[in-house]
Amino acid sequence: MSGGAVLGWDIGAGLQLGAALGLSPLILAELLPPIEAVMVRKINETLQAGSGLT
């Protein structure tokens, strides 16, 4: 994946997955955005370093 970047997650899908697991939507709405920010940053760092993701 040359020159690509991850922009974000599908938060709606994350909320649905959490609901299916019986987790509180309020907790999910509070926790998913900061987790998403870290994961997107780390994935993009990995992509830029050229090691790629498989």
N, C-alpha and C. Protein backbone atom coordinates (compact mmCIF):
# COMPACT_ATOMS: atom_id res chain seq x y z
N MET A 1 0.85 -1.17 0.00
CA MET A 1 0.00 0.00 0.00
C MET A 1 0.90 1.23 0.00
N SER A 2 1.26 1.68 -1.13
CA SER A 2 2.17 2.80 -1.27
C SER A 2 1.41 4.12 -1.21
N GLY A 3 1.82 5.01 -0.30
CA GLY A 3 1.22 6.32 -0.21
C GLY A 3 -0.15 6.37 0.44
N GLY A 4 -0.60 5.28 1.00
CA GLY A 4 -1.91 5.24 1.63
C GLY A 4 -1.85 5.62 3.09
N ALA A 5 -3.01 5.86 3.66
CA ALA A 5 -3.10 6.19 5.07
C ALA A 5 -4.47 5.76 5.60
N VAL A 6 -4.48 5.42 6.86
CA VAL A 6 -5.73 5.10 7.54
C VAL A 6 -6.26 6.41 8.12
N LEU A 7 -7.54 6.70 7.87
CA LEU A 7 -8.14 7.94 8.36
C LEU A 7 -8.93 7.76 9.63
N GLY A 8 -9.50 6.58 9.82
CA GLY A 8 -10.29 6.35 11.01
C GLY A 8 -11.03 5.04 10.94
N TRP A 9 -11.74 4.76 12.00
CA TRP A 9 -12.54 3.54 12.11
C TRP A 9 -14.00 3.86 11.83
N ASP A 10 -14.77 2.81 11.63
CA ASP A 10 -16.23 2.94 11.55
C ASP A 10 -16.75 2.85 12.98
N ILE A 11 -16.93 4.00 13.61
CA ILE A 11 -17.33 4.04 15.02
C ILE A 11 -18.71 3.43 15.22
N GLY A 12 -19.60 3.59 14.22
CA GLY A 12 -20.93 2.98 14.32
C GLY A 12 -20.83 1.47 14.45
N ALA A 13 -19.92 0.88 13.68
CA ALA A 13 -19.73 -0.57 13.77
C ALA A 13 -19.15 -0.94 15.14
N GLY A 14 -18.25 -0.12 15.64
CA GLY A 14 -17.69 -0.37 16.97
C GLY A 14 -18.76 -0.31 18.06
N LEU A 15 -19.66 0.64 17.93
CA LEU A 15 -20.77 0.75 18.90
C LEU A 15 -21.69 -0.46 18.82
N GLN A 16 -21.97 -0.92 17.61
CA GLN A 16 -22.82 -2.10 17.44
C GLN A 16 -22.14 -3.35 18.00
N LEU A 17 -20.85 -3.48 17.75
CA LEU A 17 -20.11 -4.62 18.28
C LEU A 17 -20.13 -4.60 19.81
N GLY A 18 -19.90 -3.42 20.38
CA GLY A 18 -19.95 -3.31 21.83
C GLY A 18 -21.33 -3.63 22.39
N ALA A 19 -22.37 -3.18 21.72
CA ALA A 19 -23.74 -3.48 22.15
C ALA A 19 -23.99 -4.98 22.10
N ALA A 20 -23.49 -5.64 21.05
CA ALA A 20 -23.66 -7.10 20.94
C ALA A 20 -22.93 -7.82 22.07
N LEU A 21 -21.88 -7.20 22.59
CA LEU A 21 -21.14 -7.79 23.70
C LEU A 21 -21.71 -7.37 25.06
N GLY A 22 -22.77 -6.56 25.03
CA GLY A 22 -23.42 -6.15 26.27
C GLY A 22 -22.76 -4.98 26.97
N LEU A 23 -21.95 -4.20 26.25
CA LEU A 23 -21.26 -3.06 26.85
C LEU A 23 -22.13 -1.81 26.77
N SER A 24 -21.94 -0.92 27.70
CA SER A 24 -22.71 0.32 27.77
C SER A 24 -22.35 1.24 26.60
N PRO A 25 -23.35 1.73 25.87
CA PRO A 25 -23.07 2.67 24.78
C PRO A 25 -22.38 3.95 25.26
N LEU A 26 -22.69 4.39 26.48
CA LEU A 26 -22.05 5.59 27.00
C LEU A 26 -20.56 5.37 27.23
N ILE A 27 -20.21 4.22 27.76
CA ILE A 27 -18.80 3.89 27.97
C ILE A 27 -18.08 3.77 26.63
N LEU A 28 -18.72 3.10 25.67
CA LEU A 28 -18.12 2.93 24.35
C LEU A 28 -17.90 4.28 23.68
N ALA A 29 -18.89 5.17 23.78
CA ALA A 29 -18.78 6.49 23.16
C ALA A 29 -17.65 7.30 23.79
N GLU A 30 -17.36 7.01 25.04
CA GLU A 30 -16.28 7.71 25.74
C GLU A 30 -14.91 7.11 25.41
N LEU A 31 -14.84 5.79 25.27
CA LEU A 31 -13.55 5.13 25.11
C LEU A 31 -13.10 4.93 23.66
N LEU A 32 -14.02 4.72 22.74
CA LEU A 32 -13.62 4.41 21.37
C LEU A 32 -12.85 5.54 20.67
N PRO A 33 -13.25 6.81 20.76
CA PRO A 33 -12.50 7.85 20.05
C PRO A 33 -11.02 7.96 20.45
N PRO A 34 -10.66 7.96 21.74
CA PRO A 34 -9.23 8.04 22.05
C PRO A 34 -8.46 6.77 21.64
N ILE A 35 -9.11 5.62 21.73
CA ILE A 35 -8.47 4.38 21.28
C ILE A 35 -8.25 4.45 19.76
N GLU A 36 -9.27 4.93 19.05
CA GLU A 36 -9.16 5.07 17.59
C GLU A 36 -8.00 5.99 17.22
N ALA A 37 -7.86 7.10 17.92
CA ALA A 37 -6.80 8.07 17.60
C ALA A 37 -5.42 7.44 17.72
N VAL A 38 -5.20 6.68 18.79
CA VAL A 38 -3.90 6.02 18.99
C VAL A 38 -3.66 4.96 17.92
N MET A 39 -4.67 4.14 17.65
CA MET A 39 -4.51 3.08 16.67
C MET A 39 -4.26 3.64 15.27
N VAL A 40 -4.98 4.67 14.87
CA VAL A 40 -4.77 5.27 13.55
C VAL A 40 -3.36 5.83 13.45
N ARG A 41 -2.92 6.52 14.50
CA ARG A 41 -1.57 7.10 14.49
C ARG A 41 -0.51 6.01 14.36
N LYS A 42 -0.66 4.92 15.11
CA LYS A 42 0.33 3.84 15.08
C LYS A 42 0.31 3.09 13.75
N ILE A 43 -0.86 2.86 13.20
CA ILE A 43 -0.95 2.19 11.90
C ILE A 43 -0.30 3.04 10.83
N ASN A 44 -0.56 4.34 10.83
CA ASN A 44 0.04 5.22 9.84
C ASN A 44 1.55 5.33 10.00
N GLU A 45 2.04 5.31 11.24
CA GLU A 45 3.49 5.29 11.47
C GLU A 45 4.10 4.03 10.88
N THR A 46 3.44 2.90 11.07
CA THR A 46 3.92 1.64 10.52
C THR A 46 3.93 1.67 9.00
N LEU A 47 2.88 2.22 8.40
CA LEU A 47 2.81 2.31 6.95
C LEU A 47 3.90 3.23 6.41
N GLN A 48 4.14 4.35 7.07
CA GLN A 48 5.16 5.29 6.61
C GLN A 48 6.56 4.73 6.77
N ALA A 49 6.75 3.86 7.77
CA ALA A 49 8.06 3.26 7.98
C ALA A 49 8.38 2.21 6.92
N GLY A 50 7.37 1.85 6.15
CA GLY A 50 7.58 0.91 5.06
C GLY A 50 7.46 -0.55 5.44
N SER A 51 7.16 -0.82 6.70
CA SER A 51 7.04 -2.21 7.10
C SER A 51 5.68 -2.80 6.70
N GLY A 52 4.72 -1.93 6.45
CA GLY A 52 3.41 -2.38 5.98
C GLY A 52 2.65 -3.24 6.96
N LEU A 53 1.43 -3.52 6.63
CA LEU A 53 0.57 -4.35 7.45
C LEU A 53 0.04 -5.47 6.59
N THR A 54 0.05 -6.66 7.12
CA THR A 54 -0.50 -7.80 6.36
C THR A 54 -1.54 -8.50 7.18
